[in-house]
Full PDB file with SEQRES, HELIX, SHEET, SSBOND, CRYST1, ORIGX, SCALE, CONECT and MASTER records, all heavy atoms in Angstrom:
SEQRES   1 A   33  VAL MET SER ALA LEU ALA GLN TYR VAL ASP PHE GLY ASP          
SEQRES   2 A   33  VAL ARG GLU GLN ALA THR THR PRO GLY THR GLN THR ASN          
SEQRES   3 A   33  SER ALA ALA SER THR PRO LEU                                  
HELIX    1 AA1 MET A    2  LEU A    5  1                                   4    
HELIX    2 AA2 VAL A   14  THR A   19  1                                   6    
HELIX    3 AA3 SER A   27  SER A   30  5                                   4    
CRYST1    1.000    1.000    1.000  90.00  90.00  90.00 P 1           1          
ORIGX1      1.000000  0.000000  0.000000        0.00000                         
ORIGX2      0.000000  1.000000  0.000000        0.00000                         
ORIGX3      0.000000  0.000000  1.000000        0.00000                         
SCALE1      1.000000  0.000000  0.000000        0.00000                         
SCALE2      0.000000  1.000000  0.000000        0.00000                         
SCALE3      0.000000  0.000000  1.000000        0.00000                         
ATOM      1  N   VAL A   1      -1.357  24.678  -6.869  1.00  0.00           N  
ATOM      2  CA  VAL A   1      -1.580  23.736  -5.774  1.00  0.00           C  
ATOM      3  C   VAL A   1      -0.381  22.803  -5.616  1.00  0.00           C  
ATOM      4  O   VAL A   1       0.102  22.563  -4.502  1.00  0.00           O  
ATOM      5  CB  VAL A   1      -2.864  22.915  -6.013  1.00  0.00           C  
ATOM      6  CG1 VAL A   1      -3.001  21.807  -4.962  1.00  0.00           C  
ATOM      7  CG2 VAL A   1      -4.088  23.818  -5.975  1.00  0.00           C  
ATOM      8  N   MET A   2       0.122  22.298  -6.724  1.00  0.00           N  
ATOM      9  CA  MET A   2       1.272  21.397  -6.652  1.00  0.00           C  
ATOM     10  C   MET A   2       2.513  22.130  -6.160  1.00  0.00           C  
ATOM     11  O   MET A   2       3.334  21.563  -5.432  1.00  0.00           O  
ATOM     12  CB  MET A   2       1.526  20.760  -8.020  1.00  0.00           C  
ATOM     13  CG  MET A   2       0.477  19.701  -8.380  1.00  0.00           C  
ATOM     14  SD  MET A   2       0.888  18.723  -9.853  1.00  0.00           S  
ATOM     15  CE  MET A   2       0.542  19.928 -11.147  1.00  0.00           C  
ATOM     16  N   SER A   3       2.668  23.401  -6.528  1.00  0.00           N  
ATOM     17  CA  SER A   3       3.804  24.181  -6.042  1.00  0.00           C  
ATOM     18  C   SER A   3       3.708  24.399  -4.536  1.00  0.00           C  
ATOM     19  O   SER A   3       4.703  24.278  -3.814  1.00  0.00           O  
ATOM     20  CB  SER A   3       3.842  25.540  -6.764  1.00  0.00           C  
ATOM     21  OG  SER A   3       4.873  26.358  -6.242  1.00  0.00           O  
ATOM     22  N   ALA A   4       2.490  24.674  -4.040  1.00  0.00           N  
ATOM     23  CA  ALA A   4       2.304  24.898  -2.607  1.00  0.00           C  
ATOM     24  C   ALA A   4       2.589  23.639  -1.792  1.00  0.00           C  
ATOM     25  O   ALA A   4       3.051  23.716  -0.647  1.00  0.00           O  
ATOM     26  CB  ALA A   4       0.881  25.384  -2.341  1.00  0.00           C  
ATOM     27  N   LEU A   5       2.318  22.468  -2.376  1.00  0.00           N  
ATOM     28  CA  LEU A   5       2.471  21.201  -1.647  1.00  0.00           C  
ATOM     29  C   LEU A   5       3.697  20.402  -2.072  1.00  0.00           C  
ATOM     30  O   LEU A   5       3.886  19.274  -1.607  1.00  0.00           O  
ATOM     31  CB  LEU A   5       1.215  20.341  -1.850  1.00  0.00           C  
ATOM     32  CG  LEU A   5      -0.097  20.921  -1.323  1.00  0.00           C  
ATOM     33  CD1 LEU A   5      -1.257  19.981  -1.652  1.00  0.00           C  
ATOM     34  CD2 LEU A   5      -0.027  21.159   0.183  1.00  0.00           C  
ATOM     35  N   ALA A   6       4.535  20.975  -2.931  1.00  0.00           N  
ATOM     36  CA  ALA A   6       5.670  20.229  -3.487  1.00  0.00           C  
ATOM     37  C   ALA A   6       6.605  19.674  -2.414  1.00  0.00           C  
ATOM     38  O   ALA A   6       7.172  18.593  -2.583  1.00  0.00           O  
ATOM     39  CB  ALA A   6       6.450  21.129  -4.446  1.00  0.00           C  
ATOM     40  N   GLN A   7       6.759  20.390  -1.312  1.00  0.00           N  
ATOM     41  CA  GLN A   7       7.667  19.944  -0.256  1.00  0.00           C  
ATOM     42  C   GLN A   7       7.100  18.767   0.536  1.00  0.00           C  
ATOM     43  O   GLN A   7       7.830  18.038   1.192  1.00  0.00           O  
ATOM     44  CB  GLN A   7       7.956  21.115   0.696  1.00  0.00           C  
ATOM     45  CG  GLN A   7       8.992  20.808   1.768  1.00  0.00           C  
ATOM     46  CD  GLN A   7       9.283  22.010   2.641  1.00  0.00           C  
ATOM     47  OE1 GLN A   7       8.961  23.157   2.273  1.00  0.00           O  
ATOM     48  NE2 GLN A   7       9.884  21.792   3.794  1.00  0.00           N  
ATOM     49  N   TYR A   8       5.788  18.561   0.418  1.00  0.00           N  
ATOM     50  CA  TYR A   8       5.120  17.578   1.262  1.00  0.00           C  
ATOM     51  C   TYR A   8       4.470  16.431   0.492  1.00  0.00           C  
ATOM     52  O   TYR A   8       4.108  15.420   1.078  1.00  0.00           O  
ATOM     53  CB  TYR A   8       4.040  18.280   2.103  1.00  0.00           C  
ATOM     54  CG  TYR A   8       4.498  19.610   2.632  1.00  0.00           C  
ATOM     55  CD1 TYR A   8       4.093  20.804   2.023  1.00  0.00           C  
ATOM     56  CD2 TYR A   8       5.377  19.691   3.710  1.00  0.00           C  
ATOM     57  CE1 TYR A   8       4.534  22.031   2.488  1.00  0.00           C  
ATOM     58  CE2 TYR A   8       5.831  20.908   4.175  1.00  0.00           C  
ATOM     59  CZ  TYR A   8       5.410  22.089   3.557  1.00  0.00           C  
ATOM     60  OH  TYR A   8       5.864  23.306   4.018  1.00  0.00           O  
ATOM     61  N   VAL A   9       4.334  16.611  -0.826  1.00  0.00           N  
ATOM     62  CA  VAL A   9       3.670  15.602  -1.656  1.00  0.00           C  
ATOM     63  C   VAL A   9       4.470  15.362  -2.922  1.00  0.00           C  
ATOM     64  O   VAL A   9       4.933  16.311  -3.568  1.00  0.00           O  
ATOM     65  CB  VAL A   9       2.244  16.067  -2.052  1.00  0.00           C  
ATOM     66  CG1 VAL A   9       1.583  15.031  -2.961  1.00  0.00           C  
ATOM     67  CG2 VAL A   9       1.394  16.314  -0.815  1.00  0.00           C  
ATOM     68  N   ASP A  10       4.661  14.099  -3.263  1.00  0.00           N  
ATOM     69  CA  ASP A  10       5.276  13.728  -4.541  1.00  0.00           C  
ATOM     70  C   ASP A  10       4.140  13.462  -5.525  1.00  0.00           C  
ATOM     71  O   ASP A  10       3.402  12.492  -5.391  1.00  0.00           O  
ATOM     72  CB  ASP A  10       6.145  12.480  -4.352  1.00  0.00           C  
ATOM     73  CG  ASP A  10       6.832  12.057  -5.646  1.00  0.00           C  
ATOM     74  OD1 ASP A  10       6.606  12.715  -6.685  1.00  0.00           O  
ATOM     75  OD2 ASP A  10       7.572  11.059  -5.617  1.00  0.00           O  
ATOM     76  N   PHE A  11       3.998  14.358  -6.503  1.00  0.00           N  
ATOM     77  CA  PHE A  11       2.905  14.227  -7.459  1.00  0.00           C  
ATOM     78  C   PHE A  11       3.238  13.272  -8.601  1.00  0.00           C  
ATOM     79  O   PHE A  11       2.371  12.929  -9.399  1.00  0.00           O  
ATOM     80  CB  PHE A  11       2.529  15.607  -8.012  1.00  0.00           C  
ATOM     81  CG  PHE A  11       1.820  16.469  -7.003  1.00  0.00           C  
ATOM     82  CD1 PHE A  11       2.527  17.346  -6.205  1.00  0.00           C  
ATOM     83  CD2 PHE A  11       0.450  16.367  -6.833  1.00  0.00           C  
ATOM     84  CE1 PHE A  11       1.886  18.137  -5.262  1.00  0.00           C  
ATOM     85  CE2 PHE A  11      -0.205  17.153  -5.890  1.00  0.00           C  
ATOM     86  CZ  PHE A  11       0.516  18.037  -5.096  1.00  0.00           C  
ATOM     87  N   GLY A  12       4.500  12.831  -8.663  1.00  0.00           N  
ATOM     88  CA  GLY A  12       4.895  11.823  -9.642  1.00  0.00           C  
ATOM     89  C   GLY A  12       4.405  12.135 -11.028  1.00  0.00           C  
ATOM     90  O   GLY A  12       4.678  13.198 -11.585  1.00  0.00           O  
ATOM     91  N   ASP A  13       3.643  11.207 -11.607  1.00  0.00           N  
ATOM     92  CA  ASP A  13       3.162  11.397 -12.972  1.00  0.00           C  
ATOM     93  C   ASP A  13       1.708  11.851 -13.000  1.00  0.00           C  
ATOM     94  O   ASP A  13       0.944  11.506 -13.899  1.00  0.00           O  
ATOM     95  CB  ASP A  13       3.310  10.094 -13.772  1.00  0.00           C  
ATOM     96  CG  ASP A  13       2.543   8.937 -13.140  1.00  0.00           C  
ATOM     97  OD1 ASP A  13       2.062   9.117 -12.005  1.00  0.00           O  
ATOM     98  OD2 ASP A  13       2.436   7.885 -13.780  1.00  0.00           O  
ATOM     99  N   VAL A  14       1.309  12.686 -12.006  1.00  0.00           N  
ATOM    100  CA  VAL A  14      -0.061  13.174 -11.971  1.00  0.00           C  
ATOM    101  C   VAL A  14      -0.404  13.927 -13.253  1.00  0.00           C  
ATOM    102  O   VAL A  14      -1.502  13.804 -13.794  1.00  0.00           O  
ATOM    103  CB  VAL A  14      -0.295  14.081 -10.741  1.00  0.00           C  
ATOM    104  CG1 VAL A  14      -1.580  14.885 -10.892  1.00  0.00           C  
ATOM    105  CG2 VAL A  14      -0.387  13.236  -9.479  1.00  0.00           C  
ATOM    106  N   ARG A  15       0.542  14.700 -13.747  1.00  0.00           N  
ATOM    107  CA  ARG A  15       0.278  15.442 -14.978  1.00  0.00           C  
ATOM    108  C   ARG A  15      -0.059  14.486 -16.124  1.00  0.00           C  
ATOM    109  O   ARG A  15      -0.980  14.701 -16.896  1.00  0.00           O  
ATOM    110  CB  ARG A  15       1.495  16.296 -15.347  1.00  0.00           C  
ATOM    111  CG  ARG A  15       1.659  17.555 -14.497  1.00  0.00           C  
ATOM    112  CD  ARG A  15       2.769  18.434 -15.057  1.00  0.00           C  
ATOM    113  NE  ARG A  15       2.869  19.695 -14.327  1.00  0.00           N  
ATOM    114  CZ  ARG A  15       3.559  19.850 -13.222  1.00  0.00           C  
ATOM    115  NH1 ARG A  15       4.202  18.814 -12.701  1.00  0.00           N  
ATOM    116  NH2 ARG A  15       3.597  21.021 -12.604  1.00  0.00           N  
ATOM    117  N   GLU A  16       0.691  13.383 -16.179  1.00  0.00           N  
ATOM    118  CA  GLU A  16       0.424  12.411 -17.245  1.00  0.00           C  
ATOM    119  C   GLU A  16      -0.922  11.729 -17.034  1.00  0.00           C  
ATOM    120  O   GLU A  16      -1.682  11.529 -17.967  1.00  0.00           O  
ATOM    121  CB  GLU A  16       1.527  11.358 -17.271  1.00  0.00           C  
ATOM    122  CG  GLU A  16       1.337  10.313 -18.360  1.00  0.00           C  
ATOM    123  CD  GLU A  16       2.452   9.288 -18.365  1.00  0.00           C  
ATOM    124  OE1 GLU A  16       3.486   9.541 -17.725  1.00  0.00           O  
ATOM    125  OE2 GLU A  16       2.271   8.235 -18.992  1.00  0.00           O  
ATOM    126  N   GLN A  17      -1.231  11.410 -15.769  1.00  0.00           N  
ATOM    127  CA  GLN A  17      -2.523  10.797 -15.467  1.00  0.00           C  
ATOM    128  C   GLN A  17      -3.663  11.714 -15.877  1.00  0.00           C  
ATOM    129  O   GLN A  17      -4.658  11.283 -16.457  1.00  0.00           O  
ATOM    130  CB  GLN A  17      -2.634  10.505 -13.969  1.00  0.00           C  
ATOM    131  CG  GLN A  17      -1.625   9.509 -13.435  1.00  0.00           C  
ATOM    132  CD  GLN A  17      -1.748   9.385 -11.921  1.00  0.00           C  
ATOM    133  OE1 GLN A  17      -2.822   9.530 -11.363  1.00  0.00           O  
ATOM    134  NE2 GLN A  17      -0.640   9.132 -11.257  1.00  0.00           N  
ATOM    135  N   ALA A  18      -3.505  13.001 -15.538  1.00  0.00           N  
ATOM    136  CA  ALA A  18      -4.581  13.952 -15.783  1.00  0.00           C  
ATOM    137  C   ALA A  18      -4.811  14.219 -17.260  1.00  0.00           C  
ATOM    138  O   ALA A  18      -5.914  14.558 -17.677  1.00  0.00           O  
ATOM    139  CB  ALA A  18      -4.273  15.270 -15.071  1.00  0.00           C  
ATOM    140  N   THR A  19      -3.762  14.052 -18.082  1.00  0.00           N  
ATOM    141  CA  THR A  19      -3.898  14.358 -19.502  1.00  0.00           C  
ATOM    142  C   THR A  19      -4.184  13.122 -20.337  1.00  0.00           C  
ATOM    143  O   THR A  19      -4.398  13.225 -21.540  1.00  0.00           O  
ATOM    144  CB  THR A  19      -2.607  15.022 -20.024  1.00  0.00           C  
ATOM    145  OG1 THR A  19      -1.495  14.167 -19.738  1.00  0.00           O  
ATOM    146  CG2 THR A  19      -2.388  16.374 -19.360  1.00  0.00           C  
ATOM    147  N   THR A  20      -4.190  11.947 -19.694  1.00  0.00           N  
ATOM    148  CA  THR A  20      -4.482  10.709 -20.425  1.00  0.00           C  
ATOM    149  C   THR A  20      -5.916  10.297 -20.148  1.00  0.00           C  
ATOM    150  O   THR A  20      -6.257   9.907 -19.032  1.00  0.00           O  
ATOM    151  CB  THR A  20      -3.534   9.565 -19.989  1.00  0.00           C  
ATOM    152  OG1 THR A  20      -2.197   9.993 -20.201  1.00  0.00           O  
ATOM    153  CG2 THR A  20      -3.822   8.311 -20.799  1.00  0.00           C  
ATOM    154  N   PRO A  21      -6.803  10.381 -21.105  1.00  0.00           N  
ATOM    155  CA  PRO A  21      -8.222  10.048 -20.883  1.00  0.00           C  
ATOM    156  C   PRO A  21      -8.394   8.620 -20.374  1.00  0.00           C  
ATOM    157  O   PRO A  21      -7.767   7.685 -20.869  1.00  0.00           O  
ATOM    158  CB  PRO A  21      -8.849  10.211 -22.277  1.00  0.00           C  
ATOM    159  CG  PRO A  21      -7.925  11.138 -22.999  1.00  0.00           C  
ATOM    160  CD  PRO A  21      -6.544  10.811 -22.494  1.00  0.00           C  
ATOM    161  N   GLY A  22      -9.237   8.486 -19.351  1.00  0.00           N  
ATOM    162  CA  GLY A  22      -9.594   7.151 -18.852  1.00  0.00           C  
ATOM    163  C   GLY A  22      -8.556   6.531 -17.946  1.00  0.00           C  
ATOM    164  O   GLY A  22      -8.710   5.404 -17.523  1.00  0.00           O  
ATOM    165  N   THR A  23      -7.465   7.252 -17.640  1.00  0.00           N  
ATOM    166  CA  THR A  23      -6.421   6.681 -16.800  1.00  0.00           C  
ATOM    167  C   THR A  23      -6.907   6.545 -15.366  1.00  0.00           C  
ATOM    168  O   THR A  23      -7.421   7.488 -14.788  1.00  0.00           O  
ATOM    169  CB  THR A  23      -5.159   7.566 -16.812  1.00  0.00           C  
ATOM    170  OG1 THR A  23      -4.679   7.649 -18.147  1.00  0.00           O  
ATOM    171  CG2 THR A  23      -4.071   6.973 -15.931  1.00  0.00           C  
ATOM    172  N   GLN A  24      -6.730   5.382 -14.783  1.00  0.00           N  
ATOM    173  CA  GLN A  24      -7.053   5.163 -13.384  1.00  0.00           C  
ATOM    174  C   GLN A  24      -5.839   4.529 -12.737  1.00  0.00           C  
ATOM    175  O   GLN A  24      -5.190   3.660 -13.320  1.00  0.00           O  
ATOM    176  CB  GLN A  24      -8.267   4.224 -13.224  1.00  0.00           C  
ATOM    177  CG  GLN A  24      -9.549   4.774 -13.836  1.00  0.00           C  
ATOM    178  CD  GLN A  24     -10.103   5.952 -13.062  1.00  0.00           C  
ATOM    179  OE1 GLN A  24      -9.591   6.309 -12.017  1.00  0.00           O  
ATOM    180  NE2 GLN A  24     -11.136   6.569 -13.594  1.00  0.00           N  
ATOM    181  N   THR A  25      -5.522   4.941 -11.529  1.00  0.00           N  
ATOM    182  CA  THR A  25      -4.337   4.428 -10.858  1.00  0.00           C  
ATOM    183  C   THR A  25      -4.657   3.667  -9.586  1.00  0.00           C  
ATOM    184  O   THR A  25      -3.784   3.187  -8.922  1.00  0.00           O  
ATOM    185  CB  THR A  25      -3.390   5.585 -10.496  1.00  0.00           C  
ATOM    186  OG1 THR A  25      -4.090   6.500  -9.635  1.00  0.00           O  
ATOM    187  CG2 THR A  25      -2.940   6.329 -11.736  1.00  0.00           C  
ATOM    188  N   ASN A  26      -5.933   3.578  -9.253  1.00  0.00           N  
ATOM    189  CA  ASN A  26      -6.309   2.924  -8.017  1.00  0.00           C  
ATOM    190  C   ASN A  26      -7.674   2.292  -8.216  1.00  0.00           C  
ATOM    191  O   ASN A  26      -8.552   2.898  -8.803  1.00  0.00           O  
ATOM    192  CB  ASN A  26      -6.363   3.955  -6.869  1.00  0.00           C  
ATOM    193  CG  ASN A  26      -6.537   3.283  -5.524  1.00  0.00           C  
ATOM    194  OD1 ASN A  26      -7.511   2.593  -5.283  1.00  0.00           O  
ATOM    195  ND2 ASN A  26      -5.567   3.504  -4.647  1.00  0.00           N  
ATOM    196  N   SER A  27      -7.848   1.088  -7.710  1.00  0.00           N  
ATOM    197  CA  SER A  27      -9.122   0.408  -7.911  1.00  0.00           C  
ATOM    198  C   SER A  27     -10.272   1.199  -7.322  1.00  0.00           C  
ATOM    199  O   SER A  27     -11.409   1.085  -7.774  1.00  0.00           O  
ATOM    200  CB  SER A  27      -9.088  -0.985  -7.262  1.00  0.00           C  
ATOM    201  OG  SER A  27      -8.811  -0.893  -5.882  1.00  0.00           O  
ATOM    202  N   ALA A  28      -9.996   2.025  -6.277  1.00  0.00           N  
ATOM    203  CA  ALA A  28     -11.071   2.814  -5.669  1.00  0.00           C  
ATOM    204  C   ALA A  28     -11.583   3.867  -6.617  1.00  0.00           C  
ATOM    205  O   ALA A  28     -12.682   4.383  -6.444  1.00  0.00           O  
ATOM    206  CB  ALA A  28     -10.569   3.486  -4.376  1.00  0.00           C  
ATOM    207  N   ALA A  29     -10.779   4.223  -7.650  1.00  0.00           N  
ATOM    208  CA  ALA A  29     -11.201   5.276  -8.561  1.00  0.00           C  
ATOM    209  C   ALA A  29     -12.396   4.845  -9.397  1.00  0.00           C  
ATOM    210  O   ALA A  29     -13.091   5.673  -9.966  1.00  0.00           O  
ATOM    211  CB  ALA A  29     -10.043   5.664  -9.479  1.00  0.00           C  
ATOM    212  N   SER A  30     -12.630   3.553  -9.506  1.00  0.00           N  
ATOM    213  CA  SER A  30     -13.760   3.077 -10.293  1.00  0.00           C  
ATOM    214  C   SER A  30     -15.064   3.134  -9.511  1.00  0.00           C  
ATOM    215  O   SER A  30     -16.125   2.891 -10.048  1.00  0.00           O  
ATOM    216  CB  SER A  30     -13.514   1.632 -10.753  1.00  0.00           C  
ATOM    217  OG  SER A  30     -13.364   0.778  -9.640  1.00  0.00           O  
ATOM    218  N   THR A  31     -14.959   3.442  -8.199  1.00  0.00           N  
ATOM    219  CA  THR A  31     -16.144   3.573  -7.366  1.00  0.00           C  
ATOM    220  C   THR A  31     -16.464   5.038  -7.198  1.00  0.00           C  
ATOM    221  O   THR A  31     -15.577   5.819  -6.909  1.00  0.00           O  
ATOM    222  CB  THR A  31     -15.878   2.957  -5.966  1.00  0.00           C  
ATOM    223  OG1 THR A  31     -15.556   1.587  -6.140  1.00  0.00           O  
ATOM    224  CG2 THR A  31     -17.107   3.087  -5.081  1.00  0.00           C  
ATOM    225  N   PRO A  32     -17.711   5.478  -7.384  1.00  0.00           N  
ATOM    226  CA  PRO A  32     -18.052   6.881  -7.200  1.00  0.00           C  
ATOM    227  C   PRO A  32     -17.590   7.370  -5.839  1.00  0.00           C  
ATOM    228  O   PRO A  32     -17.710   6.664  -4.839  1.00  0.00           O  
ATOM    229  CB  PRO A  32     -19.589   6.887  -7.301  1.00  0.00           C  
ATOM    230  CG  PRO A  32     -19.906   5.675  -8.127  1.00  0.00           C  
ATOM    231  CD  PRO A  32     -18.864   4.662  -7.768  1.00  0.00           C  
ATOM    232  N   LEU A  33     -17.051   8.595  -5.803  1.00  0.00           N  
ATOM    233  CA  LEU A  33     -16.541   9.141  -4.555  1.00  0.00           C  
ATOM    234  C   LEU A  33     -17.636   9.188  -3.504  1.00  0.00           C  
ATOM    235  O   LEU A  33     -18.755   9.578  -3.760  1.00  0.00           O  
ATOM    236  CB  LEU A  33     -15.993  10.553  -4.789  1.00  0.00           C  
ATOM    237  CG  LEU A  33     -14.788  10.621  -5.724  1.00  0.00           C  
ATOM    238  CD1 LEU A  33     -14.372  12.070  -5.906  1.00  0.00           C  
ATOM    239  CD2 LEU A  33     -13.636   9.806  -5.184  1.00  0.00           C  
TER     240      LEU A  33                                                      
MASTER        0    0    0    3    0    0    0    6  239    1    0    3          
END                                                                             
């Protein structure tokens, strides 16, 4: 997915976010989707 969207999206440290338990990067993340 990241390869398909690499030209259009900067995923930055998403890999680090995804592998770090409990990491939240936006206050909205604490609200159920």
